[in-house]
Every structure is written in C-alpha cells, then in structure tokens.
Amino acid sequence: MQLVIAEKASVGFALAKALGVTEKKDGYIEGNGYIVSWCVGHLVSLANADMYDEKFKKWDVADLPIIPDEWQFIIAEDKDKQFGNRHEQL
C-alpha cells in the first residue's frame, strides 16, 4: 500500500481519480494499492513562546532569539481527527 498525501481535498480527489482509487473512507480514499489522503488547513502549529517559559508572556528584546531545546507543536482542535488519520497512515 502506498500513501499519497495531498495539500487539500480537491487535489486528493483528483489524484485518486488519476490513480483509480475509488473507496471513500473517513478523510481519505483507498484502493488499487493506494491510500490517498489530504491535509486540511494548518493541522499543526508551533507552540507560542510562553508555553516554553512564563517569562515570554511579556516580550523583551533581550530574550531574543527564543530557540527552545525541543520544539513543541500544537494540533488544531478542529483538525485533531484529520491529524490522527495522517499519523496512523504514516
């Protein structure tokens, strides 16, 4: 099974049609040896600086640049299901 991830649903449907993939699932299309899926807007964003340290709630040029040891990511609440599907497929 090969996974194809498109930028948006309309591109995903066009790719699925070209690949002969026809079985619609919840947020993706499967068949003919392929899973064709797509993203929806911004699935993931970087955490705000104050999520790393409370002192960053108030900006100070002396604190710049803010480069965390480990980046934190936020999954958009309204995109959680779509993100979960992509995560499982990968």
C-alpha atoms as a PDB file:
ATOM      1  CA  MET A   1       0.000   0.000   0.000  1.00  0.00           C
ATOM      2  CA  GLN A   2       1.386   3.408  -0.981  1.00  0.00           C
ATOM      3  CA  LEU A   3       0.349   6.572   0.838  1.00  0.00           C
ATOM      4  CA  VAL A   4      -0.193   9.766  -1.159  1.00  0.00           C
ATOM      5  CA  ILE A   5      -0.801  12.935   0.874  1.00  0.00           C
ATOM      6  CA  ALA A   6      -2.196  15.962  -0.935  1.00  0.00           C
ATOM      7  CA  GLU A   7      -2.263  19.592   0.156  1.00  0.00           C
ATOM      8  CA  LYS A   8      -6.061  19.740   0.172  1.00  0.00           C
ATOM      9  CA  ALA A   9      -9.108  17.572  -0.513  1.00  0.00           C
ATOM     10  CA  SER A  10      -9.686  18.723  -4.098  1.00  0.00           C
ATOM     11  CA  VAL A  11      -6.143  17.711  -5.059  1.00  0.00           C
ATOM     12  CA  GLY A  12      -6.568  14.428  -3.184  1.00  0.00           C
ATOM     13  CA  PHE A  13      -9.731  13.610  -5.144  1.00  0.00           C
ATOM     14  CA  ALA A  14      -8.006  14.472  -8.444  1.00  0.00           C
ATOM     15  CA  LEU A  15      -5.043  12.241  -7.575  1.00  0.00           C
ATOM     16  CA  ALA A  16      -7.362   9.428  -6.512  1.00  0.00           C
ATOM     17  CA  LYS A  17      -9.223   9.652  -9.811  1.00  0.00           C
ATOM     18  CA  ALA A  18      -5.958   9.532 -11.777  1.00  0.00           C
ATOM     19  CA  LEU A  19      -4.767   6.516  -9.758  1.00  0.00           C
ATOM     20  CA  GLY A  20      -8.074   4.649  -9.984  1.00  0.00           C
ATOM     21  CA  VAL A  21      -8.686   4.874  -6.231  1.00  0.00           C
ATOM     22  CA  THR A  22     -12.418   4.804  -5.500  1.00  0.00           C
ATOM     23  CA  GLU A  23     -13.250   3.525  -1.990  1.00  0.00           C
ATOM     24  CA  LYS A  24     -14.119   6.586   0.120  1.00  0.00           C
ATOM     25  CA  LYS A  25     -13.263   6.359   3.808  1.00  0.00           C
ATOM     26  CA  ASP A  26     -13.377   8.870   6.670  1.00  0.00           C
ATOM     27  CA  GLY A  27     -10.936  11.562   5.494  1.00  0.00           C
ATOM     28  CA  TYR A  28      -9.176   9.533   2.807  1.00  0.00           C
ATOM     29  CA  ILE A  29      -9.745   7.311  -0.241  1.00  0.00           C
ATOM     30  CA  GLU A  30      -8.359   3.797  -0.561  1.00  0.00           C
ATOM     31  CA  GLY A  31      -7.982   1.202  -3.295  1.00  0.00           C
ATOM     32  CA  ASN A  32      -5.860  -0.059  -6.149  1.00  0.00           C
ATOM     33  CA  GLY A  33      -2.818  -0.308  -3.826  1.00  0.00           C
ATOM     34  CA  TYR A  34      -3.055   3.319  -2.658  1.00  0.00           C
ATOM     35  CA  ILE A  35      -4.302   5.399   0.228  1.00  0.00           C
ATOM     36  CA  VAL A  36      -4.912   8.961  -0.934  1.00  0.00           C
ATOM     37  CA  SER A  37      -5.274  11.462   1.868  1.00  0.00           C
ATOM     38  CA  TRP A  38      -5.042  15.209   2.355  1.00  0.00           C
ATOM     39  CA  CYS A  39      -4.409  17.882   4.897  1.00  0.00           C
ATOM     40  CA  VAL A  40      -6.970  20.471   5.952  1.00  0.00           C
ATOM     41  CA  GLY A  41      -5.613  23.945   6.623  1.00  0.00           C
ATOM     42  CA  HIS A  42      -2.961  24.170   9.298  1.00  0.00           C
ATOM     43  CA  LEU A  43      -3.046  20.805  11.083  1.00  0.00           C
ATOM     44  CA  VAL A  44      -0.113  21.631  13.335  1.00  0.00           C
ATOM     45  CA  SER A  45       1.403  24.883  14.548  1.00  0.00           C
ATOM     46  CA  LEU A  46       4.357  25.800  16.707  1.00  0.00           C
ATOM     47  CA  ALA A  47       3.672  26.471  20.374  1.00  0.00           C
ATOM     48  CA  ASN A  48       3.743  30.101  21.476  1.00  0.00           C
ATOM     49  CA  ALA A  49       6.874  31.217  23.304  1.00  0.00           C
ATOM     50  CA  ASP A  50       5.089  31.488  26.659  1.00  0.00           C
ATOM     51  CA  MET A  51       4.371  27.753  26.547  1.00  0.00           C
ATOM     52  CA  TYR A  52       8.099  27.201  26.992  1.00  0.00           C
ATOM     53  CA  ASP A  53       8.542  29.725  29.791  1.00  0.00           C
ATOM     54  CA  GLU A  54       6.112  32.123  31.505  1.00  0.00           C
ATOM     55  CA  LYS A  55       8.634  34.962  31.197  1.00  0.00           C
ATOM     56  CA  PHE A  56       7.925  35.064  27.462  1.00  0.00           C
ATOM     57  CA  LYS A  57       4.336  36.243  28.036  1.00  0.00           C
ATOM     58  CA  LYS A  58       5.822  39.728  28.029  1.00  0.00           C
ATOM     59  CA  TRP A  59       8.243  40.225  25.189  1.00  0.00           C
ATOM     60  CA  ASP A  60      11.693  41.625  25.849  1.00  0.00           C
ATOM     61  CA  VAL A  61      14.237  42.116  23.085  1.00  0.00           C
ATOM     62  CA  ALA A  62      16.922  40.814  25.481  1.00  0.00           C
ATOM     63  CA  ASP A  63      15.270  37.361  25.329  1.00  0.00           C
ATOM     64  CA  LEU A  64      15.587  37.124  21.552  1.00  0.00           C
ATOM     65  CA  PRO A  65      16.124  34.892  19.758  1.00  0.00           C
ATOM     66  CA  ILE A  66      13.916  32.337  21.502  1.00  0.00           C
ATOM     67  CA  ILE A  67      15.198  28.938  20.417  1.00  0.00           C
ATOM     68  CA  PRO A  68      13.888  26.062  22.538  1.00  0.00           C
ATOM     69  CA  ASP A  69      15.895  22.896  23.140  1.00  0.00           C
ATOM     70  CA  GLU A  70      12.927  20.868  21.945  1.00  0.00           C
ATOM     71  CA  TRP A  71      10.171  22.331  19.774  1.00  0.00           C
ATOM     72  CA  GLN A  72       6.564  21.906  20.920  1.00  0.00           C
ATOM     73  CA  PHE A  73       3.731  21.532  18.450  1.00  0.00           C
ATOM     74  CA  ILE A  74       0.027  22.221  18.844  1.00  0.00           C
ATOM     75  CA  ILE A  75      -2.589  20.228  16.938  1.00  0.00           C
ATOM     76  CA  ALA A  76      -5.558  22.402  15.988  1.00  0.00           C
ATOM     77  CA  GLU A  77      -8.627  21.192  17.918  1.00  0.00           C
ATOM     78  CA  ASP A  78     -10.869  21.208  14.866  1.00  0.00           C
ATOM     79  CA  LYS A  79      -8.282  19.212  12.896  1.00  0.00           C
ATOM     80  CA  ASP A  80      -7.499  16.565  15.529  1.00  0.00           C
ATOM     81  CA  LYS A  81      -9.299  13.743  13.695  1.00  0.00           C
ATOM     82  CA  GLN A  82      -7.625  14.506  10.360  1.00  0.00           C
ATOM     83  CA  PHE A  83      -4.215  14.708  12.064  1.00  0.00           C
ATOM     84  CA  GLY A  84      -4.859  11.380  13.804  1.00  0.00           C
ATOM     85  CA  ASN A  85      -5.714   9.739  10.489  1.00  0.00           C
ATOM     86  CA  ARG A  86      -2.491  11.024   8.884  1.00  0.00           C
ATOM     87  CA  HIS A  87      -0.451   9.935  11.910  1.00  0.00           C
ATOM     88  CA  GLU A  88      -1.865   6.383  11.746  1.00  0.00           C
ATOM     89  CA  GLN A  89      -1.308   6.172   7.999  1.00  0.00           C
ATOM     90  CA  LEU A  90       2.317   7.193   8.272  1.00  0.00           C
END
